[in-house]
Amino acid sequence: MAKKKDNGITILEIVWTDDLVWQLLAQIELSENRVMLLGKQKKGKNMSGDSKVMVYQCMAAAVFPQLHSQNAVAMGDQVK
């Protein structure tokens, strides 16, 4: 997945409700996201090849699909 460039569309600050926090935690718990963000448990396990920035953008796409389609970079920063 290629890194997306900021397209200049401003995204307002996200108001993190309990529901949004739980949705984000569910995304963090996914094995492919957890390994990248928190590190691997076993030495022999290979990383996914994605950067943390890409993982944040993918999580933003899952939690905020409409806003992510407007500005993926800004939404990745919001999730970070």
PDB file of N, CA and C in Angstrom:
ATOM      1  N   MET A   1       0.835  -1.163   0.000  1.00  0.00           N
ATOM      2  CA  MET A   1       0.000   0.000   0.000  1.00  0.00           C
ATOM      3  C   MET A   1       0.887   1.235   0.000  1.00  0.00           C
ATOM      4  N   ALA A   2       0.722   2.116  -0.959  1.00  0.00           N
ATOM      5  CA  ALA A   2       1.534   3.317  -1.060  1.00  0.00           C
ATOM      6  C   ALA A   2       1.068   4.375  -0.069  1.00  0.00           C
ATOM      7  N   LYS A   3       2.017   5.131   0.444  1.00  0.00           N
ATOM      8  CA  LYS A   3       1.683   6.189   1.391  1.00  0.00           C
ATOM      9  C   LYS A   3       0.884   7.272   0.676  1.00  0.00           C
ATOM     10  N   LYS A   4      -0.200   7.703   1.299  1.00  0.00           N
ATOM     11  CA  LYS A   4      -1.052   8.723   0.701  1.00  0.00           C
ATOM     12  C   LYS A   4      -0.559  10.096   1.107  1.00  0.00           C
ATOM     13  N   LYS A   5      -0.657  11.047   0.181  1.00  0.00           N
ATOM     14  CA  LYS A   5      -0.239  12.412   0.450  1.00  0.00           C
ATOM     15  C   LYS A   5      -1.436  13.203   0.959  1.00  0.00           C
ATOM     16  N   ASP A   6      -1.149  14.174   1.810  1.00  0.00           N
ATOM     17  CA  ASP A   6      -2.182  15.063   2.331  1.00  0.00           C
ATOM     18  C   ASP A   6      -2.719  15.892   1.176  1.00  0.00           C
ATOM     19  N   ASN A   7      -4.038  15.866   0.981  1.00  0.00           N
ATOM     20  CA  ASN A   7      -4.615  16.588  -0.138  1.00  0.00           C
ATOM     21  C   ASN A   7      -5.062  17.996   0.234  1.00  0.00           C
ATOM     22  N   GLY A   8      -4.796  18.421   1.460  1.00  0.00           N
ATOM     23  CA  GLY A   8      -5.088  19.782   1.864  1.00  0.00           C
ATOM     24  C   GLY A   8      -6.478  20.004   2.431  1.00  0.00           C
ATOM     25  N   ILE A   9      -7.361  19.011   2.384  1.00  0.00           N
ATOM     26  CA  ILE A   9      -8.694  19.156   2.956  1.00  0.00           C
ATOM     27  C   ILE A   9      -8.574  19.074   4.467  1.00  0.00           C
ATOM     28  N   THR A  10      -9.074  20.100   5.152  1.00  0.00           N
ATOM     29  CA  THR A  10      -8.971  20.160   6.601  1.00  0.00           C
ATOM     30  C   THR A  10     -10.022  19.277   7.252  1.00  0.00           C
ATOM     31  N   ILE A  11      -9.591  18.497   8.205  1.00  0.00           N
ATOM     32  CA  ILE A  11     -10.489  17.647   8.985  1.00  0.00           C
ATOM     33  C   ILE A  11     -10.564  18.240  10.390  1.00  0.00           C
ATOM     34  N   LEU A  12     -11.785  18.450  10.878  1.00  0.00           N
ATOM     35  CA  LEU A  12     -11.962  18.998  12.217  1.00  0.00           C
ATOM     36  C   LEU A  12     -11.509  18.002  13.276  1.00  0.00           C
ATOM     37  N   GLU A  13     -11.205  18.514  14.454  1.00  0.00           N
ATOM     38  CA  GLU A  13     -10.793  17.674  15.580  1.00  0.00           C
ATOM     39  C   GLU A  13     -11.897  16.658  15.898  1.00  0.00           C
ATOM     40  N   ILE A  14     -11.521  15.425  16.128  1.00  0.00           N
ATOM     41  CA  ILE A  14     -12.471  14.355  16.428  1.00  0.00           C
ATOM     42  C   ILE A  14     -12.875  14.423  17.895  1.00  0.00           C
ATOM     43  N   VAL A  15     -14.164  14.310  18.155  1.00  0.00           N
ATOM     44  CA  VAL A  15     -14.664  14.201  19.522  1.00  0.00           C
ATOM     45  C   VAL A  15     -14.746  12.708  19.830  1.00  0.00           C
ATOM     46  N   TRP A  16     -13.868  12.236  20.692  1.00  0.00           N
ATOM     47  CA  TRP A  16     -13.758  10.810  20.969  1.00  0.00           C
ATOM     48  C   TRP A  16     -14.817  10.377  21.983  1.00  0.00           C
ATOM     49  N   THR A  17     -15.898   9.794  21.477  1.00  0.00           N
ATOM     50  CA  THR A  17     -16.940   9.246  22.337  1.00  0.00           C
ATOM     51  C   THR A  17     -16.515   7.861  22.798  1.00  0.00           C
ATOM     52  N   ASP A  18     -17.223   7.325  23.770  1.00  0.00           N
ATOM     53  CA  ASP A  18     -16.917   5.971  24.248  1.00  0.00           C
ATOM     54  C   ASP A  18     -16.989   4.956  23.114  1.00  0.00           C
ATOM     55  N   ASP A  19     -18.003   5.088  22.257  1.00  0.00           N
ATOM     56  CA  ASP A  19     -18.169   4.151  21.148  1.00  0.00           C
ATOM     57  C   ASP A  19     -16.985   4.212  20.181  1.00  0.00           C
ATOM     58  N   LEU A  20     -16.525   5.418  19.861  1.00  0.00           N
ATOM     59  CA  LEU A  20     -15.379   5.556  18.959  1.00  0.00           C
ATOM     60  C   LEU A  20     -14.100   4.995  19.571  1.00  0.00           C
ATOM     61  N   VAL A  21     -13.925   5.193  20.866  1.00  0.00           N
ATOM     62  CA  VAL A  21     -12.742   4.652  21.538  1.00  0.00           C
ATOM     63  C   VAL A  21     -12.758   3.128  21.474  1.00  0.00           C
ATOM     64  N   TRP A  22     -13.921   2.520  21.706  1.00  0.00           N
ATOM     65  CA  TRP A  22     -14.010   1.055  21.645  1.00  0.00           C
ATOM     66  C   TRP A  22     -13.782   0.539  20.231  1.00  0.00           C
ATOM     67  N   GLN A  23     -14.278   1.272  19.233  1.00  0.00           N
ATOM     68  CA  GLN A  23     -14.027   0.873  17.843  1.00  0.00           C
ATOM     69  C   GLN A  23     -12.531   0.922  17.535  1.00  0.00           C
ATOM     70  N   LEU A  24     -11.867   1.968  18.019  1.00  0.00           N
ATOM     71  CA  LEU A  24     -10.426   2.082  17.798  1.00  0.00           C
ATOM     72  C   LEU A  24      -9.662   0.983  18.518  1.00  0.00           C
ATOM     73  N   LEU A  25     -10.059   0.678  19.742  1.00  0.00           N
ATOM     74  CA  LEU A  25      -9.406  -0.413  20.480  1.00  0.00           C
ATOM     75  C   LEU A  25      -9.584  -1.747  19.762  1.00  0.00           C
ATOM     76  N   ALA A  26     -10.749  -1.958  19.175  1.00  0.00           N
ATOM     77  CA  ALA A  26     -10.980  -3.191  18.407  1.00  0.00           C
ATOM     78  C   ALA A  26     -10.022  -3.267  17.224  1.00  0.00           C
ATOM     79  N   GLN A  27      -9.747  -2.129  16.582  1.00  0.00           N
ATOM     80  CA  GLN A  27      -8.805  -2.107  15.468  1.00  0.00           C
ATOM     81  C   GLN A  27      -7.375  -2.361  15.939  1.00  0.00           C
ATOM     82  N   ILE A  28      -7.020  -1.811  17.084  1.00  0.00           N
ATOM     83  CA  ILE A  28      -5.675  -2.019  17.626  1.00  0.00           C
ATOM     84  C   ILE A  28      -5.457  -3.484  17.970  1.00  0.00           C
ATOM     85  N   GLU A  29      -6.519  -4.167  18.431  1.00  0.00           N
ATOM     86  CA  GLU A  29      -6.403  -5.568  18.832  1.00  0.00           C
ATOM     87  C   GLU A  29      -6.248  -6.524  17.659  1.00  0.00           C
ATOM     88  N   LEU A  30      -6.552  -6.094  16.442  1.00  0.00           N
ATOM     89  CA  LEU A  30      -6.350  -6.966  15.282  1.00  0.00           C
ATOM     90  C   LEU A  30      -4.878  -7.332  15.200  1.00  0.00           C
ATOM     91  N   SER A  31      -4.609  -8.582  14.923  1.00  0.00           N
ATOM     92  CA  SER A  31      -3.226  -9.068  14.994  1.00  0.00           C
ATOM     93  C   SER A  31      -2.271  -8.290  14.097  1.00  0.00           C
ATOM     94  N   GLU A  32      -2.694  -7.951  12.878  1.00  0.00           N
ATOM     95  CA  GLU A  32      -1.789  -7.233  11.973  1.00  0.00           C
ATOM     96  C   GLU A  32      -1.483  -5.820  12.476  1.00  0.00           C
ATOM     97  N   ASN A  33      -2.432  -5.190  13.159  1.00  0.00           N
ATOM     98  CA  ASN A  33      -2.201  -3.854  13.712  1.00  0.00           C
ATOM     99  C   ASN A  33      -1.413  -3.931  15.021  1.00  0.00           C
ATOM    100  N   ARG A  34      -1.758  -4.893  15.842  1.00  0.00           N
ATOM    101  CA  ARG A  34      -1.114  -5.037  17.156  1.00  0.00           C
ATOM    102  C   ARG A  34       0.381  -5.294  17.011  1.00  0.00           C
ATOM    103  N   VAL A  35       0.755  -6.145  16.081  1.00  0.00           N
ATOM    104  CA  VAL A  35       2.177  -6.464  15.877  1.00  0.00           C
ATOM    105  C   VAL A  35       2.948  -5.214  15.468  1.00  0.00           C
ATOM    106  N   MET A  36       2.375  -4.419  14.589  1.00  0.00           N
ATOM    107  CA  MET A  36       3.075  -3.226  14.114  1.00  0.00           C
ATOM    108  C   MET A  36       3.166  -2.158  15.205  1.00  0.00           C
ATOM    109  N   LEU A  37       2.100  -1.953  15.953  1.00  0.00           N
ATOM    110  CA  LEU A  37       2.074  -0.873  16.937  1.00  0.00           C
ATOM    111  C   LEU A  37       2.764  -1.232  18.246  1.00  0.00           C
ATOM    112  N   LEU A  38       2.639  -2.481  18.676  1.00  0.00           N
ATOM    113  CA  LEU A  38       3.141  -2.869  19.986  1.00  0.00           C
ATOM    114  C   LEU A  38       4.364  -3.771  19.941  1.00  0.00           C
ATOM    115  N   GLY A  39       4.729  -4.233  18.764  1.00  0.00           N
ATOM    116  CA  GLY A  39       5.886  -5.113  18.635  1.00  0.00           C
ATOM    117  C   GLY A  39       5.477  -6.578  18.632  1.00  0.00           C
ATOM    118  N   LYS A  40       6.393  -7.400  18.202  1.00  0.00           N
ATOM    119  CA  LYS A  40       6.085  -8.829  18.107  1.00  0.00           C
ATOM    120  C   LYS A  40       6.446  -9.541  19.401  1.00  0.00           C
ATOM    121  N   GLN A  41       5.690 -10.608  19.682  1.00  0.00           N
ATOM    122  CA  GLN A  41       5.928 -11.372  20.900  1.00  0.00           C
ATOM    123  C   GLN A  41       7.032 -12.396  20.726  1.00  0.00           C
ATOM    124  N   LYS A  42       7.091 -13.007  19.547  1.00  0.00           N
ATOM    125  CA  LYS A  42       8.103 -14.024  19.278  1.00  0.00           C
ATOM    126  C   LYS A  42       9.110 -13.472  18.285  1.00  0.00           C
ATOM    127  N   LYS A  43      10.380 -13.751  18.518  1.00  0.00           N
ATOM    128  CA  LYS A  43      11.438 -13.220  17.652  1.00  0.00           C
ATOM    129  C   LYS A  43      11.314 -13.692  16.211  1.00  0.00           C
ATOM    130  N   GLY A  44      10.867 -14.896  15.987  1.00  0.00           N
ATOM    131  CA  GLY A  44      10.813 -15.452  14.640  1.00  0.00           C
ATOM    132  C   GLY A  44       9.702 -14.905  13.769  1.00  0.00           C
ATOM    133  N   LYS A  45       8.762 -14.186  14.362  1.00  0.00           N
ATOM    134  CA  LYS A  45       7.622 -13.686  13.605  1.00  0.00           C
ATOM    135  C   LYS A  45       8.024 -12.441  12.810  1.00  0.00           C
ATOM    136  N   ASN A  46       7.739 -12.442  11.506  1.00  0.00           N
ATOM    137  CA  ASN A  46       8.082 -11.317  10.648  1.00  0.00           C
ATOM    138  C   ASN A  46       7.038 -10.214  10.762  1.00  0.00           C
ATOM    139  N   MET A  47       7.472  -8.991  10.530  1.00  0.00           N
ATOM    140  CA  MET A  47       6.568  -7.851  10.540  1.00  0.00           C
ATOM    141  C   MET A  47       5.783  -7.832   9.228  1.00  0.00           C
ATOM    142  N   SER A  48       4.720  -7.053   9.192  1.00  0.00           N
ATOM    143  CA  SER A  48       3.843  -7.015   8.026  1.00  0.00           C
ATOM    144  C   SER A  48       4.458  -6.270   6.846  1.00  0.00           C
ATOM    145  N   GLY A  49       5.407  -5.385   7.088  1.00  0.00           N
ATOM    146  CA  GLY A  49       5.991  -4.594   6.016  1.00  0.00           C
ATOM    147  C   GLY A  49       5.384  -3.202   5.931  1.00  0.00           C
ATOM    148  N   ASP A  50       4.250  -2.983   6.587  1.00  0.00           N
ATOM    149  CA  ASP A  50       3.629  -1.663   6.610  1.00  0.00           C
ATOM    150  C   ASP A  50       4.308  -0.798   7.661  1.00  0.00           C
ATOM    151  N   SER A  51       4.205   0.502   7.487  1.00  0.00           N
ATOM    152  CA  SER A  51       4.723   1.417   8.489  1.00  0.00           C
ATOM    153  C   SER A  51       3.620   1.724   9.500  1.00  0.00           C
ATOM    154  N   LYS A  52       4.000   2.310  10.625  1.00  0.00           N
ATOM    155  CA  LYS A  52       3.000   2.692  11.622  1.00  0.00           C
ATOM    156  C   LYS A  52       2.029   3.710  11.043  1.00  0.00           C
ATOM    157  N   VAL A  53       2.514   4.587  10.196  1.00  0.00           N
ATOM    158  CA  VAL A  53       1.654   5.596   9.567  1.00  0.00           C
ATOM    159  C   VAL A  53       0.556   4.906   8.760  1.00  0.00           C
ATOM    160  N   MET A  54       0.928   3.879   8.012  1.00  0.00           N
ATOM    161  CA  MET A  54      -0.059   3.142   7.206  1.00  0.00           C
ATOM    162  C   MET A  54      -1.065   2.432   8.102  1.00  0.00           C
ATOM    163  N   VAL A  55      -0.606   1.896   9.212  1.00  0.00           N
ATOM    164  CA  VAL A  55      -1.517   1.217  10.141  1.00  0.00           C
ATOM    165  C   VAL A  55      -2.504   2.217  10.719  1.00  0.00           C
ATOM    166  N   TYR A  56      -2.028   3.405  11.108  1.00  0.00           N
ATOM    167  CA  TYR A  56      -2.928   4.438  11.624  1.00  0.00           C
ATOM    168  C   TYR A  56      -3.958   4.833  10.568  1.00  0.00           C
ATOM    169  N   GLN A  57      -3.537   4.946   9.320  1.00  0.00           N
ATOM    170  CA  GLN A  57      -4.461   5.305   8.250  1.00  0.00           C
ATOM    171  C   GLN A  57      -5.481   4.202   7.993  1.00  0.00           C
ATOM    172  N   CYS A  58      -5.072   2.949   8.075  1.00  0.00           N
ATOM    173  CA  CYS A  58      -6.006   1.827   7.902  1.00  0.00           C
ATOM    174  C   CYS A  58      -7.023   1.777   9.036  1.00  0.00           C
ATOM    175  N   MET A  59      -6.566   2.049  10.256  1.00  0.00           N
ATOM    176  CA  MET A  59      -7.488   2.069  11.388  1.00  0.00           C
ATOM    177  C   MET A  59      -8.476   3.227  11.239  1.00  0.00           C
ATOM    178  N   ALA A  60      -7.994   4.363  10.761  1.00  0.00           N
ATOM    179  CA  ALA A  60      -8.876   5.511  10.527  1.00  0.00           C
ATOM    180  C   ALA A  60      -9.923   5.178   9.473  1.00  0.00           C
ATOM    181  N   ALA A  61      -9.522   4.436   8.447  1.00  0.00           N
ATOM    182  CA  ALA A  61     -10.466   4.048   7.401  1.00  0.00           C
ATOM    183  C   ALA A  61     -11.564   3.144   7.954  1.00  0.00           C
ATOM    184  N   ALA A  62     -11.221   2.296   8.913  1.00  0.00           N
ATOM    185  CA  ALA A  62     -12.203   1.384   9.492  1.00  0.00           C
ATOM    186  C   ALA A  62     -13.166   2.110  10.431  1.00  0.00           C
ATOM    187  N   VAL A  63     -12.654   3.077  11.194  1.00  0.00           N
ATOM    188  CA  VAL A  63     -13.483   3.766  12.190  1.00  0.00           C
ATOM    189  C   VAL A  63     -14.207   4.969  11.582  1.00  0.00           C
ATOM    190  N   PHE A  64     -13.556   5.679  10.662  1.00  0.00           N
ATOM    191  CA  PHE A  64     -14.114   6.889  10.049  1.00  0.00           C
ATOM    192  C   PHE A  64     -14.053   6.798   8.526  1.00  0.00           C
ATOM    193  N   PRO A  65     -14.829   5.924   7.894  1.00  0.00           N
ATOM    194  CA  PRO A  65     -14.687   5.736   6.439  1.00  0.00           C
ATOM    195  C   PRO A  65     -14.976   6.992   5.609  1.00  0.00           C
ATOM    196  N   GLN A  66     -15.965   7.787   6.000  1.00  0.00           N
ATOM    197  CA  GLN A  66     -16.296   8.976   5.206  1.00  0.00           C
ATOM    198  C   GLN A  66     -15.200  10.031   5.302  1.00  0.00           C
ATOM    199  N   LEU A  67     -14.721  10.292   6.503  1.00  0.00           N
ATOM    200  CA  LEU A  67     -13.670  11.292   6.682  1.00  0.00           C
ATOM    201  C   LEU A  67     -12.349  10.822   6.097  1.00  0.00           C
ATOM    202  N   HIS A  68     -12.087   9.534   6.189  1.00  0.00           N
ATOM    203  CA  HIS A  68     -10.835   8.983   5.644  1.00  0.00           C
ATOM    204  C   HIS A  68     -10.781   9.174   4.137  1.00  0.00           C
ATOM    205  N   SER A  69     -11.913   9.036   3.466  1.00  0.00           N
ATOM    206  CA  SER A  69     -11.918   9.208   2.011  1.00  0.00           C
ATOM    207  C   SER A  69     -11.652  10.653   1.604  1.00  0.00           C
ATOM    208  N   GLN A  70     -11.901  11.601   2.514  1.00  0.00           N
ATOM    209  CA  GLN A  70     -11.640  13.011   2.218  1.00  0.00           C
ATOM    210  C   GLN A  70     -10.163  13.357   2.396  1.00  0.00           C
ATOM    211  N   ASN A  71      -9.543  12.835   3.461  1.00  0.00           N
ATOM    212  CA  ASN A  71      -8.130  13.134   3.729  1.00  0.00           C
ATOM    213  C   ASN A  71      -7.542  12.037   4.605  1.00  0.00           C
ATOM    214  N   ALA A  72      -6.947  11.052   3.989  1.00  0.00           N
ATOM    215  CA  ALA A  72      -6.417   9.891   4.694  1.00  0.00           C
ATOM    216  C   ALA A  72      -5.277  10.255   5.632  1.00  0.00           C
ATOM    217  N   VAL A  73      -4.427  11.178   5.223  1.00  0.00           N
ATOM    218  CA  VAL A  73      -3.273  11.558   6.052  1.00  0.00           C
ATOM    219  C   VAL A  73      -3.733  12.247   7.326  1.00  0.00           C
ATOM    220  N   ALA A  74      -4.655  13.189   7.205  1.00  0.00           N
ATOM    221  CA  ALA A  74      -5.154  13.917   8.374  1.00  0.00           C
ATOM    222  C   ALA A  74      -5.870  12.963   9.330  1.00  0.00           C
ATOM    223  N   MET A  75      -6.625  12.023   8.798  1.00  0.00           N
ATOM    224  CA  MET A  75      -7.339  11.081   9.658  1.00  0.00           C
ATOM    225  C   MET A  75      -6.356  10.132  10.350  1.00  0.00           C
ATOM    226  N   GLY A  76      -5.306   9.741   9.656  1.00  0.00           N
ATOM    227  CA  GLY A  76      -4.281   8.918  10.292  1.00  0.00           C
ATOM    228  C   GLY A  76      -3.638   9.646  11.458  1.00  0.00           C
ATOM    229  N   ASP A  77      -3.416  10.949  11.285  1.00  0.00           N
ATOM    230  CA  ASP A  77      -2.854  11.754  12.371  1.00  0.00           C
ATOM    231  C   ASP A  77      -3.831  11.881  13.521  1.00  0.00           C
ATOM    232  N   GLN A  78      -5.136  11.985  13.224  1.00  0.00           N
ATOM    233  CA  GLN A  78      -6.148  12.071  14.276  1.00  0.00           C
ATOM    234  C   GLN A  78      -6.185  10.789  15.109  1.00  0.00           C
ATOM    235  N   VAL A  79      -6.065   9.651  14.448  1.00  0.00           N
ATOM    236  CA  VAL A  79      -6.102   8.366  15.138  1.00  0.00           C
ATOM    237  C   VAL A  79      -4.831   8.174  15.961  1.00  0.00           C
ATOM    238  N   LYS A  80      -3.725   8.644  15.450  1.00  0.00           N
ATOM    239  CA  LYS A  80      -2.433   8.517  16.136  1.00  0.00           C
ATOM    240  C   LYS A  80      -2.511   9.206  17.466  1.00  0.00           C
TER     241      LYS A  80
END
